[in-house]
Amino acid sequence: MAKAKKRQAMGRGLSALLPTEENLIKGTVEGRVIDLPLDQIETNPFQPRTQFNPDTLTELASSISELGVIQPITVRKLNANSYQLVSGERRFRASQTVNLKTIPAFVRVANDQESLEMALVENIQRDDLDPIEIALSYERLMNEIALTQEEMSKRVGKKRSTVANYLRLLNLDPIIQSGIRDGFISMGHGRALLGLEDKKEQLNLYKKIVATGMSVRATEQAVKPKKSTPNPKIDDYTAKHITAFKTFFNVPVQTKVAKNGAGKIIISFDSEKEFNSIRKKIK
């Protein structure tokens, strides 16, 4: 029995060391880490992430069940008994899965714009986001907070060219974007496909990549415009002699010369009489 009680206490994790909101009711909770009831926390409507890997969520839930929540989530206070998630939705969801009643949370003051920015920036910094999720986060942050690509690059600590490359992926056909999200093709493939302006051509090549396992390098080569080699100028050595032929036979005469220098002479005639006249002259 003693071991079970000890195990239960360990399972509370950081919560065992934190004051509850009830203990802070006379003071302020902003700027502090407290133990909050999960049913007083609502998810962030600005959360840019819509997909959570069920396997990793299960693993996190198992860890929380054993050790408790080690890293506090971040929330903002809405009113007396209501809070909104700013970051840490995976920890929040996993805690709900194992039926925890409370969770350690850092309470901060944030308006809607700050809440959106914090949620987006936190998600962008994650290692397990796919390129399209990152691109959508960049786009949303730029649109809703009115940032330029240069300002965005400073906020997230990336080069401006890197931000631009992610954003360009959103110009791909939605089917191809889904292919990147699902891991059928890489971001490198997507960037190469952007070299095709025609969406149908993009889709056709995308299907070929998926079907054959084309490399990024091969995709880049397939997208490159085929350079047409101009026909070498043919030296028509017969041209200066055509007049002599026409005078001699007294009928229309043509010559055709191929690239390799070979050719033929075409002597035209309108009647049997003209043919016999040509034949006699050749004879």
C-alpha atoms as a PDB file:
ATOM      1  CA  MET A   1       0.000   0.000   0.000  1.00  0.00           C
ATOM      2  CA  ALA A   2       2.829   2.376   0.876  1.00  0.00           C
ATOM      3  CA  LYS A   3       4.448   1.749  -2.522  1.00  0.00           C
ATOM      4  CA  ALA A   4       1.181   2.487  -4.303  1.00  0.00           C
ATOM      5  CA  LYS A   5       0.837   5.811  -2.488  1.00  0.00           C
ATOM      6  CA  LYS A   6       4.444   6.690  -3.291  1.00  0.00           C
ATOM      7  CA  ARG A   7       3.930   5.794  -6.966  1.00  0.00           C
ATOM      8  CA  GLN A   8       0.785   7.928  -7.098  1.00  0.00           C
ATOM      9  CA  ALA A   9       2.633  10.898  -5.640  1.00  0.00           C
ATOM     10  CA  MET A  10       5.422  10.517  -8.193  1.00  0.00           C
ATOM     11  CA  GLY A  11       2.863  10.338 -10.975  1.00  0.00           C
ATOM     12  CA  ARG A  12       1.669  13.845 -10.164  1.00  0.00           C
ATOM     13  CA  GLY A  13       4.966  15.174 -11.505  1.00  0.00           C
ATOM     14  CA  LEU A  14       5.383  18.936 -11.284  1.00  0.00           C
ATOM     15  CA  SER A  15       1.823  19.308  -9.961  1.00  0.00           C
ATOM     16  CA  ALA A  16       2.856  18.041  -6.533  1.00  0.00           C
ATOM     17  CA  LEU A  17       5.092  21.091  -6.055  1.00  0.00           C
ATOM     18  CA  LEU A  18       2.774  23.801  -7.374  1.00  0.00           C
ATOM     19  CA  PRO A  19       0.143  25.977  -5.714  1.00  0.00           C
ATOM     20  CA  THR A  20      -3.409  25.610  -6.979  1.00  0.00           C
ATOM     21  CA  GLU A  21      -5.553  28.489  -8.163  1.00  0.00           C
ATOM     22  CA  GLU A  22      -7.531  28.216  -4.940  1.00  0.00           C
ATOM     23  CA  ASN A  23      -4.375  28.936  -2.944  1.00  0.00           C
ATOM     24  CA  LEU A  24      -3.702  32.016  -5.078  1.00  0.00           C
ATOM     25  CA  ILE A  25      -7.250  33.344  -5.141  1.00  0.00           C
ATOM     26  CA  LYS A  26      -6.336  36.424  -3.106  1.00  0.00           C
ATOM     27  CA  GLY A  27      -3.328  37.233  -5.252  1.00  0.00           C
ATOM     28  CA  THR A  28      -2.567  37.258  -8.958  1.00  0.00           C
ATOM     29  CA  VAL A  29      -1.901  34.151 -11.030  1.00  0.00           C
ATOM     30  CA  GLU A  30      -0.458  35.935 -14.052  1.00  0.00           C
ATOM     31  CA  GLY A  31       3.251  35.338 -14.446  1.00  0.00           C
ATOM     32  CA  ARG A  32       3.225  32.218 -12.260  1.00  0.00           C
ATOM     33  CA  VAL A  33       3.137  28.460 -12.730  1.00  0.00           C
ATOM     34  CA  ILE A  34       0.111  26.986 -10.947  1.00  0.00           C
ATOM     35  CA  ASP A  35      -1.785  23.705 -10.881  1.00  0.00           C
ATOM     36  CA  LEU A  36      -4.934  24.241 -13.000  1.00  0.00           C
ATOM     37  CA  PRO A  37      -8.023  22.019 -13.413  1.00  0.00           C
ATOM     38  CA  LEU A  38      -8.142  20.705 -16.982  1.00  0.00           C
ATOM     39  CA  ASP A  39     -11.848  21.426 -17.244  1.00  0.00           C
ATOM     40  CA  GLN A  40     -11.129  25.142 -16.828  1.00  0.00           C
ATOM     41  CA  ILE A  41      -8.867  25.203 -19.904  1.00  0.00           C
ATOM     42  CA  GLU A  42     -10.135  25.593 -23.454  1.00  0.00           C
ATOM     43  CA  THR A  43      -8.090  24.930 -26.571  1.00  0.00           C
ATOM     44  CA  ASN A  44      -6.619  27.765 -28.580  1.00  0.00           C
ATOM     45  CA  PRO A  45      -8.721  28.678 -31.656  1.00  0.00           C
ATOM     46  CA  PHE A  46      -5.541  30.116 -33.158  1.00  0.00           C
ATOM     47  CA  GLN A  47      -3.740  26.761 -32.945  1.00  0.00           C
ATOM     48  CA  PRO A  48      -2.231  26.296 -36.426  1.00  0.00           C
ATOM     49  CA  ARG A  49      -1.684  22.594 -35.967  1.00  0.00           C
ATOM     50  CA  THR A  50      -4.634  20.402 -36.904  1.00  0.00           C
ATOM     51  CA  GLN A  51      -3.010  16.956 -37.012  1.00  0.00           C
ATOM     52  CA  PHE A  52      -1.494  15.146 -34.021  1.00  0.00           C
ATOM     53  CA  ASN A  53       0.263  11.800 -34.456  1.00  0.00           C
ATOM     54  CA  PRO A  54      -1.823   9.317 -32.422  1.00  0.00           C
ATOM     55  CA  ASP A  55       1.184   7.063 -31.721  1.00  0.00           C
ATOM     56  CA  THR A  56       3.362   9.811 -30.241  1.00  0.00           C
ATOM     57  CA  LEU A  57       0.331  11.146 -28.345  1.00  0.00           C
ATOM     58  CA  THR A  58      -0.152   7.688 -26.795  1.00  0.00           C
ATOM     59  CA  GLU A  59       3.528   7.542 -25.847  1.00  0.00           C
ATOM     60  CA  LEU A  60       3.294  10.973 -24.213  1.00  0.00           C
ATOM     61  CA  ALA A  61       0.137   9.939 -22.338  1.00  0.00           C
ATOM     62  CA  SER A  62       1.926   6.845 -21.029  1.00  0.00           C
ATOM     63  CA  SER A  63       4.853   8.971 -19.845  1.00  0.00           C
ATOM     64  CA  ILE A  64       2.509  11.447 -18.125  1.00  0.00           C
ATOM     65  CA  SER A  65       0.665   8.560 -16.470  1.00  0.00           C
ATOM     66  CA  GLU A  66       3.948   7.360 -14.963  1.00  0.00           C
ATOM     67  CA  LEU A  67       5.806  10.601 -14.247  1.00  0.00           C
ATOM     68  CA  GLY A  68       3.257  13.381 -14.466  1.00  0.00           C
ATOM     69  CA  VAL A  69       3.580  16.531 -16.585  1.00  0.00           C
ATOM     70  CA  ILE A  70       7.216  17.635 -16.444  1.00  0.00           C
ATOM     71  CA  GLN A  71       6.997  20.809 -18.557  1.00  0.00           C
ATOM     72  CA  PRO A  72       4.142  23.239 -17.829  1.00  0.00           C
ATOM     73  CA  ILE A  73       1.742  24.262 -20.561  1.00  0.00           C
ATOM     74  CA  THR A  74       1.188  27.985 -21.184  1.00  0.00           C
ATOM     75  CA  VAL A  75      -2.262  29.542 -20.811  1.00  0.00           C
ATOM     76  CA  ARG A  76      -3.805  32.979 -20.644  1.00  0.00           C
ATOM     77  CA  LYS A  77      -6.560  33.898 -18.241  1.00  0.00           C
ATOM     78  CA  LEU A  78      -9.930  34.718 -19.794  1.00  0.00           C
ATOM     79  CA  ASN A  79     -11.978  35.244 -16.627  1.00  0.00           C
ATOM     80  CA  ALA A  80     -12.214  34.012 -13.032  1.00  0.00           C
ATOM     81  CA  ASN A  81     -12.397  30.286 -13.803  1.00  0.00           C
ATOM     82  CA  SER A  82     -11.533  30.082 -17.478  1.00  0.00           C
ATOM     83  CA  TYR A  83      -8.194  29.817 -19.268  1.00  0.00           C
ATOM     84  CA  GLN A  84      -7.120  29.376 -22.854  1.00  0.00           C
ATOM     85  CA  LEU A  85      -4.204  27.347 -24.135  1.00  0.00           C
ATOM     86  CA  VAL A  86      -1.383  29.301 -25.695  1.00  0.00           C
ATOM     87  CA  SER A  87       1.034  26.407 -26.146  1.00  0.00           C
ATOM     88  CA  GLY A  88       1.349  22.784 -25.060  1.00  0.00           C
ATOM     89  CA  GLU A  89      -1.729  21.244 -26.698  1.00  0.00           C
ATOM     90  CA  ARG A  90      -0.098  17.805 -26.982  1.00  0.00           C
ATOM     91  CA  ARG A  91       0.555  17.736 -23.229  1.00  0.00           C
ATOM     92  CA  PHE A  92      -2.993  18.973 -22.627  1.00  0.00           C
ATOM     93  CA  ARG A  93      -4.554  16.292 -24.838  1.00  0.00           C
ATOM     94  CA  ALA A  94      -2.369  13.527 -23.424  1.00  0.00           C
ATOM     95  CA  SER A  95      -3.325  14.569 -19.872  1.00  0.00           C
ATOM     96  CA  GLN A  96      -7.001  14.377 -20.812  1.00  0.00           C
ATOM     97  CA  THR A  97      -6.398  10.872 -22.218  1.00  0.00           C
ATOM     98  CA  VAL A  98      -5.151   9.573 -18.845  1.00  0.00           C
ATOM     99  CA  ASN A  99      -7.942  11.440 -17.003  1.00  0.00           C
ATOM    100  CA  LEU A 100      -5.736  13.842 -15.042  1.00  0.00           C
ATOM    101  CA  LYS A 101      -7.751  16.405 -13.123  1.00  0.00           C
ATOM    102  CA  THR A 102      -5.118  19.147 -13.070  1.00  0.00           C
ATOM    103  CA  ILE A 103      -2.067  20.192 -15.058  1.00  0.00           C
ATOM    104  CA  PRO A 104       0.841  22.558 -14.295  1.00  0.00           C
ATOM    105  CA  ALA A 105       0.387  25.754 -16.298  1.00  0.00           C
ATOM    106  CA  PHE A 106       2.246  29.015 -16.689  1.00  0.00           C
ATOM    107  CA  VAL A 107      -0.328  31.814 -16.693  1.00  0.00           C
ATOM    108  CA  ARG A 108       0.544  34.863 -18.721  1.00  0.00           C
ATOM    109  CA  VAL A 109      -1.184  37.979 -19.941  1.00  0.00           C
ATOM    110  CA  ALA A 110      -1.740  37.870 -23.696  1.00  0.00           C
ATOM    111  CA  ASN A 111      -4.209  39.401 -26.093  1.00  0.00           C
ATOM    112  CA  ASP A 112      -5.541  37.565 -29.154  1.00  0.00           C
ATOM    113  CA  GLN A 113      -2.707  38.684 -31.408  1.00  0.00           C
ATOM    114  CA  GLU A 114      -0.012  37.758 -28.891  1.00  0.00           C
ATOM    115  CA  SER A 115      -1.707  34.420 -28.254  1.00  0.00           C
ATOM    116  CA  LEU A 116      -1.792  33.673 -31.966  1.00  0.00           C
ATOM    117  CA  GLU A 117       1.818  34.686 -32.430  1.00  0.00           C
ATOM    118  CA  MET A 118       3.042  32.582 -29.502  1.00  0.00           C
ATOM    119  CA  ALA A 119       1.108  29.539 -30.657  1.00  0.00           C
ATOM    120  CA  LEU A 120       2.349  29.878 -34.225  1.00  0.00           C
ATOM    121  CA  VAL A 121       5.979  30.541 -33.353  1.00  0.00           C
ATOM    122  CA  GLU A 122       6.051  27.658 -30.882  1.00  0.00           C
ATOM    123  CA  ASN A 123       4.644  25.288 -33.487  1.00  0.00           C
ATOM    124  CA  ILE A 124       6.990  26.486 -36.219  1.00  0.00           C
ATOM    125  CA  GLN A 125       9.959  25.643 -33.998  1.00  0.00           C
ATOM    126  CA  ARG A 126       8.870  22.011 -33.591  1.00  0.00           C
ATOM    127  CA  ASP A 127      10.916  19.317 -35.330  1.00  0.00           C
ATOM    128  CA  ASP A 128       7.986  17.091 -36.290  1.00  0.00           C
ATOM    129  CA  LEU A 129       6.030  19.554 -38.415  1.00  0.00           C
ATOM    130  CA  ASP A 130       5.696  18.737 -42.094  1.00  0.00           C
ATOM    131  CA  PRO A 131       6.692  21.409 -44.662  1.00  0.00           C
ATOM    132  CA  ILE A 132       3.086  22.310 -45.511  1.00  0.00           C
ATOM    133  CA  GLU A 133       2.207  22.863 -41.838  1.00  0.00           C
ATOM    134  CA  ILE A 134       5.209  25.161 -41.547  1.00  0.00           C
ATOM    135  CA  ALA A 135       4.242  27.020 -44.731  1.00  0.00           C
ATOM    136  CA  LEU A 136       0.655  27.494 -43.522  1.00  0.00           C
ATOM    137  CA  SER A 137       1.920  28.767 -40.162  1.00  0.00           C
ATOM    138  CA  TYR A 138       4.201  31.268 -41.906  1.00  0.00           C
ATOM    139  CA  GLU A 139       1.365  32.427 -44.127  1.00  0.00           C
ATOM    140  CA  ARG A 140      -1.079  32.831 -41.258  1.00  0.00           C
ATOM    141  CA  LEU A 141       1.409  34.689 -39.088  1.00  0.00           C
ATOM    142  CA  MET A 142       2.244  37.043 -41.954  1.00  0.00           C
ATOM    143  CA  ASN A 143      -1.399  37.673 -42.855  1.00  0.00           C
ATOM    144  CA  GLU A 144      -2.897  38.053 -39.395  1.00  0.00           C
ATOM    145  CA  ILE A 145      -0.061  39.991 -37.789  1.00  0.00           C
ATOM    146  CA  ALA A 146       0.945  41.825 -40.974  1.00  0.00           C
ATOM    147  CA  LEU A 147       4.563  40.686 -41.150  1.00  0.00           C
ATOM    148  CA  THR A 148       6.849  40.854 -44.159  1.00  0.00           C
ATOM    149  CA  GLN A 149       9.001  37.853 -45.094  1.00  0.00           C
ATOM    150  CA  GLU A 150      11.994  39.711 -43.674  1.00  0.00           C
ATOM    151  CA  GLU A 151      10.227  40.326 -40.346  1.00  0.00           C
ATOM    152  CA  MET A 152       9.006  36.743 -40.293  1.00  0.00           C
ATOM    153  CA  SER A 153      12.525  35.400 -40.776  1.00  0.00           C
ATOM    154  CA  LYS A 154      13.681  37.355 -37.713  1.00  0.00           C
ATOM    155  CA  ARG A 155      10.757  36.120 -35.573  1.00  0.00           C
ATOM    156  CA  VAL A 156      11.427  32.452 -36.298  1.00  0.00           C
ATOM    157  CA  GLY A 157      15.206  32.641 -36.664  1.00  0.00           C
ATOM    158  CA  LYS A 158      15.288  31.476 -40.289  1.00  0.00           C
ATOM    159  CA  LYS A 159      16.761  32.992 -43.444  1.00  0.00           C
ATOM    160  CA  ARG A 160      14.324  34.982 -45.549  1.00  0.00           C
ATOM    161  CA  SER A 161      15.014  32.650 -48.491  1.00  0.00           C
ATOM    162  CA  THR A 162      14.042  29.685 -46.302  1.00  0.00           C
ATOM    163  CA  VAL A 163      10.740  31.325 -45.393  1.00  0.00           C
ATOM    164  CA  ALA A 164      10.120  32.128 -49.070  1.00  0.00           C
ATOM    165  CA  ASN A 165      10.811  28.519 -50.117  1.00  0.00           C
ATOM    166  CA  TYR A 166       8.255  27.194 -47.640  1.00  0.00           C
ATOM    167  CA  LEU A 167       5.625  29.726 -48.720  1.00  0.00           C
ATOM    168  CA  ARG A 168       6.114  28.816 -52.398  1.00  0.00           C
ATOM    169  CA  LEU A 169       4.955  25.268 -51.622  1.00  0.00           C
ATOM    170  CA  LEU A 170       1.439  26.664 -51.157  1.00  0.00           C
ATOM    171  CA  ASN A 171       1.377  27.391 -54.921  1.00  0.00           C
ATOM    172  CA  LEU A 172       1.399  23.658 -55.629  1.00  0.00           C
ATOM    173  CA  ASP A 173      -1.765  21.768 -56.493  1.00  0.00           C
ATOM    174  CA  PRO A 174      -3.587  20.700 -53.269  1.00  0.00           C
ATOM    175  CA  ILE A 175      -3.106  17.022 -54.187  1.00  0.00           C
ATOM    176  CA  ILE A 176       0.666  17.548 -54.291  1.00  0.00           C
ATOM    177  CA  GLN A 177       0.543  19.459 -50.992  1.00  0.00           C
ATOM    178  CA  SER A 178      -1.218  16.450 -49.450  1.00  0.00           C
ATOM    179  CA  GLY A 179       1.486  14.220 -50.906  1.00  0.00           C
ATOM    180  CA  ILE A 180       4.146  16.261 -49.092  1.00  0.00           C
ATOM    181  CA  ARG A 181       2.175  16.151 -45.822  1.00  0.00           C
ATOM    182  CA  ASP A 182       1.752  12.376 -46.101  1.00  0.00           C
ATOM    183  CA  GLY A 183       5.411  11.819 -46.953  1.00  0.00           C
ATOM    184  CA  PHE A 184       4.907  10.516 -50.494  1.00  0.00           C
ATOM    185  CA  ILE A 185       7.315  13.147 -51.800  1.00  0.00           C
ATOM    186  CA  SER A 186       9.783  15.492 -50.127  1.00  0.00           C
ATOM    187  CA  MET A 187       9.928  19.264 -49.957  1.00  0.00           C
ATOM    188  CA  GLY A 188      12.752  19.042 -52.518  1.00  0.00           C
ATOM    189  CA  HIS A 189      10.415  17.312 -54.957  1.00  0.00           C
ATOM    190  CA  GLY A 190       7.788  19.996 -54.322  1.00  0.00           C
ATOM    191  CA  ARG A 191      10.246  22.804 -54.994  1.00  0.00           C
ATOM    192  CA  ALA A 192      11.288  21.119 -58.246  1.00  0.00           C
ATOM    193  CA  LEU A 193       7.656  20.718 -59.354  1.00  0.00           C
ATOM    194  CA  LEU A 194       7.159  24.467 -58.937  1.00  0.00           C
ATOM    195  CA  GLY A 195       9.268  24.808 -62.076  1.00  0.00           C
ATOM    196  CA  LEU A 196       6.179  23.684 -64.007  1.00  0.00           C
ATOM    197  CA  GLU A 197       3.598  26.458 -64.307  1.00  0.00           C
ATOM    198  CA  ASP A 198       0.895  24.159 -65.673  1.00  0.00           C
ATOM    199  CA  LYS A 199      -0.905  22.398 -62.777  1.00  0.00           C
ATOM    200  CA  LYS A 200      -1.715  19.384 -64.998  1.00  0.00           C
ATOM    201  CA  GLU A 201       1.960  18.939 -65.802  1.00  0.00           C
ATOM    202  CA  GLN A 202       2.741  19.221 -62.092  1.00  0.00           C
ATOM    203  CA  LEU A 203       0.218  16.471 -61.292  1.00  0.00           C
ATOM    204  CA  ASN A 204       1.419  14.193 -64.084  1.00  0.00           C
ATOM    205  CA  LEU A 205       5.019  14.419 -62.929  1.00  0.00           C
ATOM    206  CA  TYR A 206       3.947  14.047 -59.273  1.00  0.00           C
ATOM    207  CA  LYS A 207       2.200  10.759 -60.114  1.00  0.00           C
ATOM    208  CA  LYS A 208       5.323   9.589 -61.928  1.00  0.00           C
ATOM    209  CA  ILE A 209       7.505  10.440 -58.901  1.00  0.00           C
ATOM    210  CA  VAL A 210       5.225   8.480 -56.560  1.00  0.00           C
ATOM    211  CA  ALA A 211       4.963   5.536 -58.953  1.00  0.00           C
ATOM    212  CA  THR A 212       8.655   5.237 -59.828  1.00  0.00           C
ATOM    213  CA  GLY A 213      10.419   6.705 -56.791  1.00  0.00           C
ATOM    214  CA  MET A 214      12.152   9.409 -58.823  1.00  0.00           C
ATOM    215  CA  SER A 215      14.864  11.278 -56.953  1.00  0.00           C
ATOM    216  CA  VAL A 216      14.788  15.029 -56.424  1.00  0.00           C
ATOM    217  CA  ARG A 217      17.666  15.381 -58.884  1.00  0.00           C
ATOM    218  CA  ALA A 218      15.802  13.386 -61.546  1.00  0.00           C
ATOM    219  CA  THR A 219      12.716  15.522 -60.950  1.00  0.00           C
ATOM    220  CA  GLU A 220      14.723  18.697 -61.421  1.00  0.00           C
ATOM    221  CA  GLN A 221      16.077  17.346 -64.705  1.00  0.00           C
ATOM    222  CA  ALA A 222      12.567  16.406 -65.858  1.00  0.00           C
ATOM    223  CA  VAL A 223      11.314  19.912 -65.145  1.00  0.00           C
ATOM    224  CA  LYS A 224      14.121  21.691 -66.977  1.00  0.00           C
ATOM    225  CA  PRO A 225      13.003  22.980 -70.374  1.00  0.00           C
ATOM    226  CA  LYS A 226      14.431  20.940 -73.216  1.00  0.00           C
ATOM    227  CA  LYS A 227      16.891  23.015 -75.170  1.00  0.00           C
ATOM    228  CA  SER A 228      16.232  22.804 -78.896  1.00  0.00           C
ATOM    229  CA  THR A 229      19.407  22.582 -80.934  1.00  0.00           C
ATOM    230  CA  PRO A 230      19.170  24.771 -84.051  1.00  0.00           C
ATOM    231  CA  ASN A 231      19.534  22.967 -87.345  1.00  0.00           C
ATOM    232  CA  PRO A 232      23.013  23.474 -88.747  1.00  0.00           C
ATOM    233  CA  LYS A 233      23.036  25.549 -91.879  1.00  0.00           C
ATOM    234  CA  ILE A 234      23.048  23.288 -94.905  1.00  0.00           C
ATOM    235  CA  ASP A 235      25.589  24.195 -97.556  1.00  0.00           C
ATOM    236  CA  ASP A 236      23.468  24.053-100.708  1.00  0.00           C
ATOM    237  CA  TYR A 237      26.296  23.685-103.163  1.00  0.00           C
ATOM    238  CA  THR A 238      23.764  23.122-106.000  1.00  0.00           C
ATOM    239  CA  ALA A 239      22.119  26.545-105.842  1.00  0.00           C
ATOM    240  CA  LYS A 240      24.572  28.266-108.140  1.00  0.00           C
ATOM    241  CA  HIS A 241      24.074  25.568-110.811  1.00  0.00           C
ATOM    242  CA  ILE A 242      20.248  25.484-110.883  1.00  0.00           C
ATOM    243  CA  THR A 243      20.005  28.141-113.586  1.00  0.00           C
ATOM    244  CA  ALA A 244      22.308  26.174-115.889  1.00  0.00           C
ATOM    245  CA  PHE A 245      20.173  23.044-115.431  1.00  0.00           C
ATOM    246  CA  LYS A 246      16.954  24.919-116.164  1.00  0.00           C
ATOM    247  CA  THR A 247      18.467  26.486-119.308  1.00  0.00           C
ATOM    248  CA  PHE A 248      19.817  23.201-120.564  1.00  0.00           C
ATOM    249  CA  PHE A 249      16.589  21.195-120.086  1.00  0.00           C
ATOM    250  CA  ASN A 250      14.221  24.142-120.653  1.00  0.00           C
ATOM    251  CA  VAL A 251      11.923  22.844-117.850  1.00  0.00           C
ATOM    252  CA  PRO A 252      11.642  23.550-114.071  1.00  0.00           C
ATOM    253  CA  VAL A 253      14.492  21.949-112.108  1.00  0.00           C
ATOM    254  CA  GLN A 254      14.854  21.625-108.305  1.00  0.00           C
ATOM    255  CA  THR A 255      17.556  20.251-106.034  1.00  0.00           C
ATOM    256  CA  LYS A 256      17.282  19.040-102.407  1.00  0.00           C
ATOM    257  CA  VAL A 257      20.347  18.650-100.227  1.00  0.00           C
ATOM    258  CA  ALA A 258      20.309  16.704 -96.917  1.00  0.00           C
ATOM    259  CA  LYS A 259      22.375  17.476 -93.762  1.00  0.00           C
ATOM    260  CA  ASN A 260      25.002  14.943 -94.763  1.00  0.00           C
ATOM    261  CA  GLY A 261      25.480  16.611 -98.166  1.00  0.00           C
ATOM    262  CA  ALA A 262      23.587  14.009-100.207  1.00  0.00           C
ATOM    263  CA  GLY A 263      20.772  15.203-102.436  1.00  0.00           C
ATOM    264  CA  LYS A 264      18.644  14.762-105.485  1.00  0.00           C
ATOM    265  CA  ILE A 265      17.714  16.622-108.665  1.00  0.00           C
ATOM    266  CA  ILE A 266      14.034  16.906-109.561  1.00  0.00           C
ATOM    267  CA  ILE A 267      13.322  17.603-113.224  1.00  0.00           C
ATOM    268  CA  SER A 268       9.676  18.388-113.953  1.00  0.00           C
ATOM    269  CA  PHE A 269       7.821  17.916-117.210  1.00  0.00           C
ATOM    270  CA  ASP A 270       4.253  18.619-118.373  1.00  0.00           C
ATOM    271  CA  SER A 271       3.871  16.165-121.233  1.00  0.00           C
ATOM    272  CA  GLU A 272       5.295  13.142-122.958  1.00  0.00           C
ATOM    273  CA  LYS A 273       6.841  15.463-125.512  1.00  0.00           C
ATOM    274  CA  GLU A 274       8.769  17.335-122.788  1.00  0.00           C
ATOM    275  CA  PHE A 275       9.829  14.050-121.238  1.00  0.00           C
ATOM    276  CA  ASN A 276      11.197  12.761-124.545  1.00  0.00           C
ATOM    277  CA  SER A 277      13.027  16.068-125.057  1.00  0.00           C
ATOM    278  CA  ILE A 278      14.688  15.712-121.617  1.00  0.00           C
ATOM    279  CA  ARG A 279      15.514  12.076-122.313  1.00  0.00           C
ATOM    280  CA  LYS A 280      17.220  12.919-125.604  1.00  0.00           C
ATOM    281  CA  LYS A 281      19.280  15.681-123.965  1.00  0.00           C
ATOM    282  CA  ILE A 282      20.440  13.312-121.194  1.00  0.00           C
ATOM    283  CA  LYS A 283      21.245  10.635-123.773  1.00  0.00           C
END
